Amino acid sequence: MRAVQIAELTGPASALRLVDVPAPQLSDPPVAGEGVLIDVHAAGVAFPEVLQTRGGYQIKPELPFIPGSEVAGVVRSAAPEASVSAGQRVMAFCGLGGFAEVAVAPAHLTFALPDSLDYAQGASLILNYHTAHFSLVRRGRVSAGEWVLVHGAAGGVGTAALQVASALGARTIAVVSSPSKATVATAMGAEHVLLSDGPWKDQARELTGGGVDLVFDPVGGDRFTDSLRSLAPEGRLVVVGFAGGTIPEVKVNRLLLGNTEVVGAGWGAFAVSRPDVCAEIGDALDGMIASGHVRPLVGERFPLESAAKALGVIDERRAVGKVVLDVADPAGPAGP
């Protein structure tokens, strides 16, 4: 099969190699614990893959290895405990190995792909939308009617957070870096959109009459302190990631004086090893897909051999929506 490997830790422009390697296999017949073997049609591209090209991610496989944590495609074969079967359209979180024509994913992280979504949307869903739901619901304890401020709101996880928050009945404020990204955030359902180079903290407090209830922050960096200042009493700042490149620090007296919280939300570290949590979030998102609230925004698409360009879009913070590799069937028809 064709696959892309990270062969050296020199960054996205030079670390990748297109190779021909043996395809993974399951036993015949598959046995318990082997997972699901998938013919990949589309693979999602995410910030962790950028970090992996520099050796900066917490998961550090031996070189060379095939990156790629999300795929969508068709089941070739599946272990007996899987809820999917051969020939079925699926989306899956495989962790590694997704930048390839064939991938293996755990059974509990493989989900039926709804007829309303194409393969590119399927490859855009699990990491971002499971993260958004986990961060907003389990960690952020969001309630209907609360104000949610979303940083990086035109990117993959930001657009997911806007859609999930809206589906939960929350009111949303998007913070983005440019007018073109403001247009995207509005299209994704944001009630208000603010620019990150303006007085967004003061504007958010004015819009909400005293502060937001929850900040969803996948960016970090120098806007962290203003995020704390934008909170209403008993507000929560949910830390999702550090796409801005800098890990901020918090002075805990701010939390004391404001009666506020900083909450970590590491979906992968918590949920991936808990099948019950994954199933619960998957069921909730199925309902949001069926109601029309959740529709992943697919941004730029690249062929497999252009994976370095795809990673460059994310590394340079140019991504709008989810960046996707078309591994096979670029048209990605919706429905069986």
C-alpha atoms as a PDB file:
ATOM      1  CA  MET A   1       0.000   0.000   0.000  1.00  0.00           C
ATOM      2  CA  ARG A   2       0.997   3.647  -0.372  1.00  0.00           C
ATOM      3  CA  ALA A   3       1.654   5.478   2.868  1.00  0.00           C
ATOM      4  CA  VAL A   4       3.360   8.580   4.217  1.00  0.00           C
ATOM      5  CA  GLN A   5       5.988   8.108   6.889  1.00  0.00           C
ATOM      6  CA  ILE A   6       7.753  10.513   9.210  1.00  0.00           C
ATOM      7  CA  ALA A   7      11.367   9.549   8.535  1.00  0.00           C
ATOM      8  CA  GLU A   8      13.202  12.301  10.432  1.00  0.00           C
ATOM      9  CA  LEU A   9      12.362  14.989  12.962  1.00  0.00           C
ATOM     10  CA  THR A  10      13.030  18.045  10.814  1.00  0.00           C
ATOM     11  CA  GLY A  11       9.567  19.634  10.586  1.00  0.00           C
ATOM     12  CA  PRO A  12       6.672  19.206   8.166  1.00  0.00           C
ATOM     13  CA  ALA A  13       8.489  20.522   5.088  1.00  0.00           C
ATOM     14  CA  SER A  14      11.158  17.808   5.078  1.00  0.00           C
ATOM     15  CA  ALA A  15      10.286  15.036   7.548  1.00  0.00           C
ATOM     16  CA  LEU A  16       7.826  13.086   5.375  1.00  0.00           C
ATOM     17  CA  ARG A  17       8.396  10.336   2.818  1.00  0.00           C
ATOM     18  CA  LEU A  18       5.891   8.693   0.448  1.00  0.00           C
ATOM     19  CA  VAL A  19       6.596   4.960   0.626  1.00  0.00           C
ATOM     20  CA  ASP A  20       5.225   1.603  -0.471  1.00  0.00           C
ATOM     21  CA  VAL A  21       4.907  -0.733   2.533  1.00  0.00           C
ATOM     22  CA  PRO A  22       2.978  -3.926   3.340  1.00  0.00           C
ATOM     23  CA  ALA A  23      -0.627  -3.297   4.331  1.00  0.00           C
ATOM     24  CA  PRO A  24      -1.702  -4.211   7.863  1.00  0.00           C
ATOM     25  CA  GLN A  25      -3.729  -7.395   8.230  1.00  0.00           C
ATOM     26  CA  LEU A  26      -6.176  -8.963  10.672  1.00  0.00           C
ATOM     27  CA  SER A  27      -6.419 -12.679  11.326  1.00  0.00           C
ATOM     28  CA  ASP A  28      -8.749 -14.685   9.112  1.00  0.00           C
ATOM     29  CA  PRO A  29     -11.219 -14.791  10.733  1.00  0.00           C
ATOM     30  CA  PRO A  30     -10.476 -11.780  12.965  1.00  0.00           C
ATOM     31  CA  VAL A  31     -10.161 -12.453  16.682  1.00  0.00           C
ATOM     32  CA  ALA A  32     -11.130 -10.375  19.697  1.00  0.00           C
ATOM     33  CA  GLY A  33      -9.005  -7.314  20.299  1.00  0.00           C
ATOM     34  CA  GLU A  34      -7.650  -6.936  16.756  1.00  0.00           C
ATOM     35  CA  GLY A  35      -9.792  -3.912  15.927  1.00  0.00           C
ATOM     36  CA  VAL A  36     -11.132  -2.881  12.538  1.00  0.00           C
ATOM     37  CA  LEU A  37      -9.254  -2.987   9.213  1.00  0.00           C
ATOM     38  CA  ILE A  38     -10.280  -0.049   7.027  1.00  0.00           C
ATOM     39  CA  ASP A  39      -9.729   0.832   3.368  1.00  0.00           C
ATOM     40  CA  VAL A  40      -9.021   4.519   3.829  1.00  0.00           C
ATOM     41  CA  HIS A  41     -10.783   7.063   1.610  1.00  0.00           C
ATOM     42  CA  ALA A  42      -9.873  10.201   3.584  1.00  0.00           C
ATOM     43  CA  ALA A  43      -7.522  11.018   6.461  1.00  0.00           C
ATOM     44  CA  GLY A  44      -7.788  13.982   8.802  1.00  0.00           C
ATOM     45  CA  VAL A  45      -4.755  16.182   9.415  1.00  0.00           C
ATOM     46  CA  ALA A  46      -4.265  17.708  12.857  1.00  0.00           C
ATOM     47  CA  PHE A  47      -1.845  19.732  14.970  1.00  0.00           C
ATOM     48  CA  PRO A  48      -0.374  16.640  16.716  1.00  0.00           C
ATOM     49  CA  GLU A  49       1.012  15.455  13.358  1.00  0.00           C
ATOM     50  CA  VAL A  50       2.826  18.792  12.986  1.00  0.00           C
ATOM     51  CA  LEU A  51       4.354  18.290  16.429  1.00  0.00           C
ATOM     52  CA  GLN A  52       5.315  14.707  15.560  1.00  0.00           C
ATOM     53  CA  THR A  53       7.426  15.899  12.617  1.00  0.00           C
ATOM     54  CA  ARG A  54       9.589  17.747  15.156  1.00  0.00           C
ATOM     55  CA  GLY A  55       9.493  15.143  17.922  1.00  0.00           C
ATOM     56  CA  GLY A  56       7.439  17.541  20.033  1.00  0.00           C
ATOM     57  CA  TYR A  57       4.404  15.368  20.731  1.00  0.00           C
ATOM     58  CA  GLN A  58       4.002  13.193  23.808  1.00  0.00           C
ATOM     59  CA  ILE A  59       3.638  10.064  21.656  1.00  0.00           C
ATOM     60  CA  LYS A  60       7.079   9.364  20.142  1.00  0.00           C
ATOM     61  CA  PRO A  61       7.097   6.195  17.991  1.00  0.00           C
ATOM     62  CA  GLU A  62      10.364   4.818  16.676  1.00  0.00           C
ATOM     63  CA  LEU A  63      11.303   6.243  13.278  1.00  0.00           C
ATOM     64  CA  PRO A  64      10.114   5.772  10.616  1.00  0.00           C
ATOM     65  CA  PHE A  65       6.396   5.608  11.365  1.00  0.00           C
ATOM     66  CA  ILE A  66       3.103   6.383   9.653  1.00  0.00           C
ATOM     67  CA  PRO A  67       1.292   9.331  11.305  1.00  0.00           C
ATOM     68  CA  GLY A  68      -2.400  10.100  11.046  1.00  0.00           C
ATOM     69  CA  SER A  69      -4.964   9.664  13.804  1.00  0.00           C
ATOM     70  CA  GLU A  70      -8.293   9.950  11.945  1.00  0.00           C
ATOM     71  CA  VAL A  71      -9.672   8.161   8.919  1.00  0.00           C
ATOM     72  CA  ALA A  72     -12.894   7.490   7.102  1.00  0.00           C
ATOM     73  CA  GLY A  73     -13.455   4.670   4.653  1.00  0.00           C
ATOM     74  CA  VAL A  74     -14.897   1.196   4.240  1.00  0.00           C
ATOM     75  CA  VAL A  75     -14.454  -1.760   6.595  1.00  0.00           C
ATOM     76  CA  ARG A  76     -12.413  -4.595   5.116  1.00  0.00           C
ATOM     77  CA  SER A  77     -12.746  -6.817   8.202  1.00  0.00           C
ATOM     78  CA  ALA A  78     -13.514  -6.369  11.891  1.00  0.00           C
ATOM     79  CA  ALA A  79     -12.948  -8.103  15.214  1.00  0.00           C
ATOM     80  CA  PRO A  80     -16.028  -9.823  16.671  1.00  0.00           C
ATOM     81  CA  GLU A  81     -16.625  -7.169  19.357  1.00  0.00           C
ATOM     82  CA  ALA A  82     -16.868  -4.343  16.798  1.00  0.00           C
ATOM     83  CA  SER A  83     -20.220  -2.696  16.137  1.00  0.00           C
ATOM     84  CA  VAL A  84     -19.398  -2.395  12.416  1.00  0.00           C
ATOM     85  CA  SER A  85     -18.942  -5.024   9.712  1.00  0.00           C
ATOM     86  CA  ALA A  86     -17.248  -5.604   6.363  1.00  0.00           C
ATOM     87  CA  GLY A  87     -18.415  -3.279   3.616  1.00  0.00           C
ATOM     88  CA  GLN A  88     -19.743  -0.599   5.997  1.00  0.00           C
ATOM     89  CA  ARG A  89     -18.827   3.083   5.733  1.00  0.00           C
ATOM     90  CA  VAL A  90     -17.062   4.180   8.913  1.00  0.00           C
ATOM     91  CA  MET A  91     -15.098   6.936  10.606  1.00  0.00           C
ATOM     92  CA  ALA A  92     -12.382   5.978  13.074  1.00  0.00           C
ATOM     93  CA  PHE A  93      -9.710   7.260  15.421  1.00  0.00           C
ATOM     94  CA  CYS A  94      -6.673   5.083  14.797  1.00  0.00           C
ATOM     95  CA  GLY A  95      -4.092   7.089  16.733  1.00  0.00           C
ATOM     96  CA  LEU A  96      -1.320   6.316  14.227  1.00  0.00           C
ATOM     97  CA  GLY A  97      -1.212   4.860  10.730  1.00  0.00           C
ATOM     98  CA  GLY A  98      -3.930   6.984   9.121  1.00  0.00           C
ATOM     99  CA  PHE A  99      -1.806   8.488   6.328  1.00  0.00           C
ATOM    100  CA  ALA A 100      -2.083   5.273   4.339  1.00  0.00           C
ATOM    101  CA  GLU A 101      -4.369   3.346   2.029  1.00  0.00           C
ATOM    102  CA  VAL A 102      -5.201   0.814   4.777  1.00  0.00           C
ATOM    103  CA  ALA A 103      -5.378   1.464   8.526  1.00  0.00           C
ATOM    104  CA  VAL A 104      -6.359  -0.370  11.721  1.00  0.00           C
ATOM    105  CA  ALA A 105      -8.457   1.289  14.434  1.00  0.00           C
ATOM    106  CA  PRO A 106      -9.699   0.055  17.830  1.00  0.00           C
ATOM    107  CA  ALA A 107     -13.241  -1.309  17.683  1.00  0.00           C
ATOM    108  CA  HIS A 108     -14.541   1.140  20.306  1.00  0.00           C
ATOM    109  CA  LEU A 109     -13.140   4.094  18.334  1.00  0.00           C
ATOM    110  CA  THR A 110     -14.726   3.057  15.039  1.00  0.00           C
ATOM    111  CA  PHE A 111     -18.186   4.443  14.335  1.00  0.00           C
ATOM    112  CA  ALA A 112     -20.701   4.083  11.529  1.00  0.00           C
ATOM    113  CA  LEU A 113     -20.459   7.033   9.140  1.00  0.00           C
ATOM    114  CA  PRO A 114     -23.915   8.633   8.860  1.00  0.00           C
ATOM    115  CA  ASP A 115     -25.378   8.763   5.375  1.00  0.00           C
ATOM    116  CA  SER A 116     -25.528  12.566   5.577  1.00  0.00           C
ATOM    117  CA  LEU A 117     -21.709  12.881   5.821  1.00  0.00           C
ATOM    118  CA  ASP A 118     -19.111  12.200   3.125  1.00  0.00           C
ATOM    119  CA  TYR A 119     -15.714  10.619   3.749  1.00  0.00           C
ATOM    120  CA  ALA A 120     -13.899  13.929   4.178  1.00  0.00           C
ATOM    121  CA  GLN A 121     -16.420  15.007   6.827  1.00  0.00           C
ATOM    122  CA  GLY A 122     -16.060  11.631   8.532  1.00  0.00           C
ATOM    123  CA  ALA A 123     -12.297  12.078   8.690  1.00  0.00           C
ATOM    124  CA  SER A 124     -12.922  15.495  10.247  1.00  0.00           C
ATOM    125  CA  LEU A 125     -15.208  14.433  13.069  1.00  0.00           C
ATOM    126  CA  ILE A 126     -13.830  12.239  15.815  1.00  0.00           C
ATOM    127  CA  LEU A 127     -10.820  14.141  17.165  1.00  0.00           C
ATOM    128  CA  ASN A 128     -12.398  17.600  16.969  1.00  0.00           C
ATOM    129  CA  TYR A 129     -15.999  16.841  17.875  1.00  0.00           C
ATOM    130  CA  HIS A 130     -15.296  14.294  20.605  1.00  0.00           C
ATOM    131  CA  THR A 131     -12.821  16.818  22.045  1.00  0.00           C
ATOM    132  CA  ALA A 132     -15.404  19.602  21.825  1.00  0.00           C
ATOM    133  CA  HIS A 133     -18.149  17.552  23.486  1.00  0.00           C
ATOM    134  CA  PHE A 134     -15.831  16.218  26.204  1.00  0.00           C
ATOM    135  CA  SER A 135     -14.498  19.730  26.903  1.00  0.00           C
ATOM    136  CA  LEU A 136     -17.854  21.470  26.984  1.00  0.00           C
ATOM    137  CA  VAL A 137     -19.974  18.848  28.712  1.00  0.00           C
ATOM    138  CA  ARG A 138     -17.863  16.627  30.964  1.00  0.00           C
ATOM    139  CA  ARG A 139     -15.129  19.107  31.820  1.00  0.00           C
ATOM    140  CA  GLY A 140     -16.820  22.484  31.301  1.00  0.00           C
ATOM    141  CA  ARG A 141     -20.286  21.532  32.630  1.00  0.00           C
ATOM    142  CA  VAL A 142     -21.960  23.857  30.148  1.00  0.00           C
ATOM    143  CA  SER A 143     -25.687  24.464  30.500  1.00  0.00           C
ATOM    144  CA  ALA A 144     -28.294  25.713  28.052  1.00  0.00           C
ATOM    145  CA  GLY A 145     -28.382  29.500  27.972  1.00  0.00           C
ATOM    146  CA  GLU A 146     -24.792  29.986  29.143  1.00  0.00           C
ATOM    147  CA  TRP A 147     -22.318  32.095  27.189  1.00  0.00           C
ATOM    148  CA  VAL A 148     -19.423  30.188  25.586  1.00  0.00           C
ATOM    149  CA  LEU A 149     -16.436  32.032  24.107  1.00  0.00           C
ATOM    150  CA  VAL A 150     -14.441  30.010  21.573  1.00  0.00           C
ATOM    151  CA  HIS A 151     -10.862  30.874  20.603  1.00  0.00           C
ATOM    152  CA  GLY A 152      -9.533  29.733  17.223  1.00  0.00           C
ATOM    153  CA  ALA A 153     -13.150  29.579  16.156  1.00  0.00           C
ATOM    154  CA  ALA A 154     -12.511  29.145  12.417  1.00  0.00           C
ATOM    155  CA  GLY A 155     -10.273  26.096  12.818  1.00  0.00           C
ATOM    156  CA  GLY A 156     -11.253  22.454  13.031  1.00  0.00           C
ATOM    157  CA  VAL A 157     -11.771  22.147  16.799  1.00  0.00           C
ATOM    158  CA  GLY A 158     -13.067  25.727  17.047  1.00  0.00           C
ATOM    159  CA  THR A 159     -15.826  25.199  14.494  1.00  0.00           C
ATOM    160  CA  ALA A 160     -16.655  21.917  16.236  1.00  0.00           C
ATOM    161  CA  ALA A 161     -16.983  23.719  19.582  1.00  0.00           C
ATOM    162  CA  LEU A 162     -19.296  26.337  18.073  1.00  0.00           C
ATOM    163  CA  GLN A 163     -21.590  23.673  16.632  1.00  0.00           C
ATOM    164  CA  VAL A 164     -21.644  21.477  19.735  1.00  0.00           C
ATOM    165  CA  ALA A 165     -22.220  24.462  22.032  1.00  0.00           C
ATOM    166  CA  SER A 166     -25.128  25.606  19.880  1.00  0.00           C
ATOM    167  CA  ALA A 167     -26.595  22.094  19.861  1.00  0.00           C
ATOM    168  CA  LEU A 168     -26.455  22.139  23.679  1.00  0.00           C
ATOM    169  CA  GLY A 169     -28.414  25.400  23.788  1.00  0.00           C
ATOM    170  CA  ALA A 170     -25.491  27.641  24.739  1.00  0.00           C
ATOM    171  CA  ARG A 171     -24.905  31.115  23.300  1.00  0.00           C
ATOM    172  CA  THR A 172     -21.633  31.564  21.449  1.00  0.00           C
ATOM    173  CA  ILE A 173     -18.957  34.202  20.913  1.00  0.00           C
ATOM    174  CA  ALA A 174     -16.183  33.436  18.430  1.00  0.00           C
ATOM    175  CA  VAL A 175     -12.706  34.955  18.595  1.00  0.00           C
ATOM    176  CA  VAL A 176     -10.776  34.820  15.300  1.00  0.00           C
ATOM    177  CA  SER A 177      -7.700  36.431  13.778  1.00  0.00           C
ATOM    178  CA  SER A 178      -9.070  37.910  10.535  1.00  0.00           C
ATOM    179  CA  PRO A 179     -12.266  39.147   8.854  1.00  0.00           C
ATOM    180  CA  SER A 180     -12.254  36.158   6.489  1.00  0.00           C
ATOM    181  CA  LYS A 181     -12.195  33.795   9.468  1.00  0.00           C
ATOM    182  CA  ALA A 182     -14.989  35.853  11.030  1.00  0.00           C
ATOM    183  CA  THR A 183     -17.138  34.955   8.026  1.00  0.00           C
ATOM    184  CA  VAL A 184     -16.417  31.267   8.635  1.00  0.00           C
ATOM    185  CA  ALA A 185     -17.290  31.492  12.336  1.00  0.00           C
ATOM    186  CA  THR A 186     -20.569  33.218  11.533  1.00  0.00           C
ATOM    187  CA  ALA A 187     -21.425  30.480   9.042  1.00  0.00           C
ATOM    188  CA  MET A 188     -20.714  27.915  11.766  1.00  0.00           C
ATOM    189  CA  GLY A 189     -23.345  29.478  14.019  1.00  0.00           C
ATOM    190  CA  ALA A 190     -21.486  31.996  16.194  1.00  0.00           C
ATOM    191  CA  GLU A 191     -23.870  34.642  17.526  1.00  0.00           C
ATOM    192  CA  HIS A 192     -21.078  37.207  17.823  1.00  0.00           C
ATOM    193  CA  VAL A 193     -17.589  37.297  16.289  1.00  0.00           C
ATOM    194  CA  LEU A 194     -14.678  39.310  17.695  1.00  0.00           C
ATOM    195  CA  LEU A 195     -11.172  39.856  16.327  1.00  0.00           C
ATOM    196  CA  SER A 196      -8.245  38.682  18.434  1.00  0.00           C
ATOM    197  CA  ASP A 197      -6.227  41.839  17.754  1.00  0.00           C
ATOM    198  CA  GLY A 198      -9.002  44.046  19.147  1.00  0.00           C
ATOM    199  CA  PRO A 199     -10.456  44.609  22.622  1.00  0.00           C
ATOM    200  CA  TRP A 200     -12.254  41.258  22.533  1.00  0.00           C
ATOM    201  CA  LYS A 201     -12.170  40.785  26.312  1.00  0.00           C
ATOM    202  CA  ASP A 202     -14.012  44.035  26.980  1.00  0.00           C
ATOM    203  CA  GLN A 203     -16.375  43.429  24.077  1.00  0.00           C
ATOM    204  CA  ALA A 204     -17.240  39.967  25.410  1.00  0.00           C
ATOM    205  CA  ARG A 205     -17.969  41.317  28.880  1.00  0.00           C
ATOM    206  CA  GLU A 206     -20.190  43.998  27.392  1.00  0.00           C
ATOM    207  CA  LEU A 207     -22.074  41.566  25.148  1.00  0.00           C
ATOM    208  CA  THR A 208     -22.788  39.227  28.056  1.00  0.00           C
ATOM    209  CA  GLY A 209     -23.533  41.849  30.665  1.00  0.00           C
ATOM    210  CA  GLY A 210     -20.647  40.961  32.943  1.00  0.00           C
ATOM    211  CA  GLY A 211     -18.671  38.038  31.543  1.00  0.00           C
ATOM    212  CA  VAL A 212     -18.829  34.695  29.793  1.00  0.00           C
ATOM    213  CA  ASP A 213     -19.610  31.451  31.570  1.00  0.00           C
ATOM    214  CA  LEU A 214     -17.085  29.305  29.719  1.00  0.00           C
ATOM    215  CA  VAL A 215     -14.010  29.930  27.573  1.00  0.00           C
ATOM    216  CA  PHE A 216     -13.006  27.126  25.185  1.00  0.00           C
ATOM    217  CA  ASP A 217      -9.285  27.649  24.540  1.00  0.00           C
ATOM    218  CA  PRO A 218      -7.263  25.522  22.101  1.00  0.00           C
ATOM    219  CA  VAL A 219      -4.804  28.386  21.507  1.00  0.00           C
ATOM    220  CA  GLY A 220      -3.206  29.392  24.830  1.00  0.00           C
ATOM    221  CA  GLY A 221      -0.428  31.943  24.530  1.00  0.00           C
ATOM    222  CA  ASP A 222      -0.722  35.592  25.432  1.00  0.00           C
ATOM    223  CA  ARG A 223      -4.507  35.778  25.313  1.00  0.00           C
ATOM    224  CA  PHE A 224      -4.856  33.451  28.334  1.00  0.00           C
ATOM    225  CA  THR A 225      -4.902  36.192  30.977  1.00  0.00           C
ATOM    226  CA  ASP A 226      -7.560  38.159  29.122  1.00  0.00           C
ATOM    227  CA  SER A 227      -9.583  34.938  28.848  1.00  0.00           C
ATOM    228  CA  LEU A 228      -9.581  34.746  32.649  1.00  0.00           C
ATOM    229  CA  ARG A 229     -10.596  38.394  32.862  1.00  0.00           C
ATOM    230  CA  SER A 230     -13.477  37.790  30.458  1.00  0.00           C
ATOM    231  CA  LEU A 231     -15.118  35.244  32.808  1.00  0.00           C
ATOM    232  CA  ALA A 232     -18.205  35.904  34.862  1.00  0.00           C
ATOM    233  CA  PRO A 233     -18.181  34.823  38.532  1.00  0.00           C
ATOM    234  CA  GLU A 234     -18.069  30.993  38.670  1.00  0.00           C
ATOM    235  CA  GLY A 235     -16.937  30.942  35.040  1.00  0.00           C
ATOM    236  CA  ARG A 236     -14.705  28.180  33.682  1.00  0.00           C
ATOM    237  CA  LEU A 237     -11.736  28.422  31.331  1.00  0.00           C
ATOM    238  CA  VAL A 238     -11.302  25.053  29.624  1.00  0.00           C
ATOM    239  CA  VAL A 239      -7.744  24.439  28.394  1.00  0.00           C
ATOM    240  CA  VAL A 240      -7.881  22.337  25.228  1.00  0.00           C
ATOM    241  CA  GLY A 241      -4.458  22.930  23.659  1.00  0.00           C
ATOM    242  CA  PHE A 242      -1.667  25.339  22.808  1.00  0.00           C
ATOM    243  CA  ALA A 243      -1.857  25.992  19.076  1.00  0.00           C
ATOM    244  CA  GLY A 244      -0.441  29.452  19.743  1.00  0.00           C
ATOM    245  CA  GLY A 245       2.867  27.804  20.599  1.00  0.00           C
ATOM    246  CA  THR A 246       3.177  29.049  24.184  1.00  0.00           C
ATOM    247  CA  ILE A 247       1.965  27.304  27.329  1.00  0.00           C
ATOM    248  CA  PRO A 248       0.615  30.024  29.652  1.00  0.00           C
ATOM    249  CA  GLU A 249       0.800  30.138  33.431  1.00  0.00           C
ATOM    250  CA  VAL A 250      -1.972  31.184  35.789  1.00  0.00           C
ATOM    251  CA  LYS A 251      -1.699  33.264  38.935  1.00  0.00           C
ATOM    252  CA  VAL A 252      -4.100  31.482  41.234  1.00  0.00           C
ATOM    253  CA  ASN A 253      -5.035  34.657  43.090  1.00  0.00           C
ATOM    254  CA  ARG A 254      -7.017  35.581  39.956  1.00  0.00           C
ATOM    255  CA  LEU A 255      -9.087  32.431  40.456  1.00  0.00           C
ATOM    256  CA  LEU A 256      -9.619  33.200  44.110  1.00  0.00           C
ATOM    257  CA  LEU A 257     -10.670  36.810  43.560  1.00  0.00           C
ATOM    258  CA  GLY A 258     -12.902  36.010  40.598  1.00  0.00           C
ATOM    259  CA  ASN A 259     -14.381  32.743  41.912  1.00  0.00           C
ATOM    260  CA  THR A 260     -13.382  31.172  38.608  1.00  0.00           C
ATOM    261  CA  GLU A 261     -11.816  27.897  37.454  1.00  0.00           C
ATOM    262  CA  VAL A 262      -9.193  26.694  34.986  1.00  0.00           C
ATOM    263  CA  VAL A 263     -10.052  23.190  33.809  1.00  0.00           C
ATOM    264  CA  GLY A 264      -7.918  20.842  31.711  1.00  0.00           C
ATOM    265  CA  ALA A 265      -9.606  18.884  28.923  1.00  0.00           C
ATOM    266  CA  GLY A 266      -7.398  16.114  27.510  1.00  0.00           C
ATOM    267  CA  TRP A 267      -9.863  13.977  25.551  1.00  0.00           C
ATOM    268  CA  GLY A 268      -7.250  11.535  24.297  1.00  0.00           C
ATOM    269  CA  ALA A 269      -5.593  10.950  27.665  1.00  0.00           C
ATOM    270  CA  PHE A 270      -8.934  10.352  29.368  1.00  0.00           C
ATOM    271  CA  ALA A 271     -11.443   8.957  26.902  1.00  0.00           C
ATOM    272  CA  VAL A 272      -9.505   6.807  24.433  1.00  0.00           C
ATOM    273  CA  SER A 273      -9.009   4.051  27.022  1.00  0.00           C
ATOM    274  CA  ARG A 274     -12.632   4.226  28.215  1.00  0.00           C
ATOM    275  CA  PRO A 275     -14.991   2.590  25.692  1.00  0.00           C
ATOM    276  CA  ASP A 276     -18.059   3.662  27.672  1.00  0.00           C
ATOM    277  CA  VAL A 277     -17.092   7.342  27.451  1.00  0.00           C
ATOM    278  CA  CYS A 278     -16.381   7.053  23.716  1.00  0.00           C
ATOM    279  CA  ALA A 279     -19.748   5.386  23.121  1.00  0.00           C
ATOM    280  CA  GLU A 280     -21.584   8.005  25.185  1.00  0.00           C
ATOM    281  CA  ILE A 281     -20.021  10.885  23.245  1.00  0.00           C
ATOM    282  CA  GLY A 282     -20.553   9.078  19.934  1.00  0.00           C
ATOM    283  CA  ASP A 283     -24.253   8.607  20.671  1.00  0.00           C
ATOM    284  CA  ALA A 284     -24.640  12.273  21.642  1.00  0.00           C
ATOM    285  CA  LEU A 285     -22.941  13.424  18.442  1.00  0.00           C
ATOM    286  CA  ASP A 286     -25.105  11.087  16.343  1.00  0.00           C
ATOM    287  CA  GLY A 287     -28.107  12.948  17.681  1.00  0.00           C
ATOM    288  CA  MET A 288     -26.524  16.297  16.839  1.00  0.00           C
ATOM    289  CA  ILE A 289     -25.731  15.084  13.315  1.00  0.00           C
ATOM    290  CA  ALA A 290     -29.293  13.863  12.857  1.00  0.00           C
ATOM    291  CA  SER A 291     -30.677  17.216  14.053  1.00  0.00           C
ATOM    292  CA  GLY A 292     -28.444  19.100  11.614  1.00  0.00           C
ATOM    293  CA  HIS A 293     -26.407  20.908  14.279  1.00  0.00           C
ATOM    294  CA  VAL A 294     -23.159  19.052  13.530  1.00  0.00           C
ATOM    295  CA  ARG A 295     -21.672  19.284  10.038  1.00  0.00           C
ATOM    296  CA  PRO A 296     -17.852  19.222   9.975  1.00  0.00           C
ATOM    297  CA  LEU A 297     -16.354  22.046   7.953  1.00  0.00           C
ATOM    298  CA  VAL A 298     -13.814  20.611   5.521  1.00  0.00           C
ATOM    299  CA  GLY A 299     -11.144  23.097   4.554  1.00  0.00           C
ATOM    300  CA  GLU A 300      -8.241  22.494   2.200  1.00  0.00           C
ATOM    301  CA  ARG A 301      -7.883  19.015   0.687  1.00  0.00           C
ATOM    302  CA  PHE A 302      -4.676  17.437  -0.585  1.00  0.00           C
ATOM    303  CA  PRO A 303      -3.712  14.121  -2.181  1.00  0.00           C
ATOM    304  CA  LEU A 304      -1.768  11.703   0.015  1.00  0.00           C
ATOM    305  CA  GLU A 305       1.536  12.566  -1.648  1.00  0.00           C
ATOM    306  CA  SER A 306       1.073  16.234  -0.640  1.00  0.00           C
ATOM    307  CA  ALA A 307       0.853  15.526   3.094  1.00  0.00           C
ATOM    308  CA  ALA A 308       3.735  17.949   3.765  1.00  0.00           C
ATOM    309  CA  LYS A 309       1.728  20.811   2.222  1.00  0.00           C
ATOM    310  CA  ALA A 310      -1.283  19.839   4.334  1.00  0.00           C
ATOM    311  CA  LEU A 311       0.785  19.948   7.517  1.00  0.00           C
ATOM    312  CA  GLY A 312       2.236  23.280   6.425  1.00  0.00           C
ATOM    313  CA  VAL A 313      -1.222  24.833   6.341  1.00  0.00           C
ATOM    314  CA  ILE A 314      -1.703  23.911   9.987  1.00  0.00           C
ATOM    315  CA  ASP A 315       1.844  24.801  11.019  1.00  0.00           C
ATOM    316  CA  GLU A 316       1.424  28.293   9.544  1.00  0.00           C
ATOM    317  CA  ARG A 317      -1.996  28.698  11.192  1.00  0.00           C
ATOM    318  CA  ARG A 318      -3.740  29.135   7.845  1.00  0.00           C
ATOM    319  CA  ALA A 319      -6.257  26.345   8.355  1.00  0.00           C
ATOM    320  CA  VAL A 320      -9.949  27.054   8.047  1.00  0.00           C
ATOM    321  CA  GLY A 321     -11.995  24.053   9.108  1.00  0.00           C
ATOM    322  CA  LYS A 322     -10.406  20.621   8.895  1.00  0.00           C
ATOM    323  CA  VAL A 323      -7.502  19.882   6.563  1.00  0.00           C
ATOM    324  CA  VAL A 324      -7.996  16.516   4.853  1.00  0.00           C
ATOM    325  CA  LEU A 325      -5.949  14.098   2.748  1.00  0.00           C
ATOM    326  CA  ASP A 326      -7.870  12.424  -0.080  1.00  0.00           C
ATOM    327  CA  VAL A 327      -6.373   8.946  -0.017  1.00  0.00           C
ATOM    328  CA  ALA A 328      -8.926   7.379  -2.378  1.00  0.00           C
ATOM    329  CA  ASP A 329     -12.181   8.439  -3.978  1.00  0.00           C
ATOM    330  CA  PRO A 330     -11.659  12.225  -3.715  1.00  0.00           C
ATOM    331  CA  ALA A 331     -15.324  12.853  -4.549  1.00  0.00           C
ATOM    332  CA  GLY A 332     -16.318  11.217  -1.263  1.00  0.00           C
ATOM    333  CA  PRO A 333     -20.009  10.583  -2.047  1.00  0.00           C
ATOM    334  CA  ALA A 334     -22.481  10.946   0.767  1.00  0.00           C
ATOM    335  CA  GLY A 335     -24.479   7.800   1.393  1.00  0.00           C
ATOM    336  CA  PRO A 336     -23.628   4.156   0.655  1.00  0.00           C
END
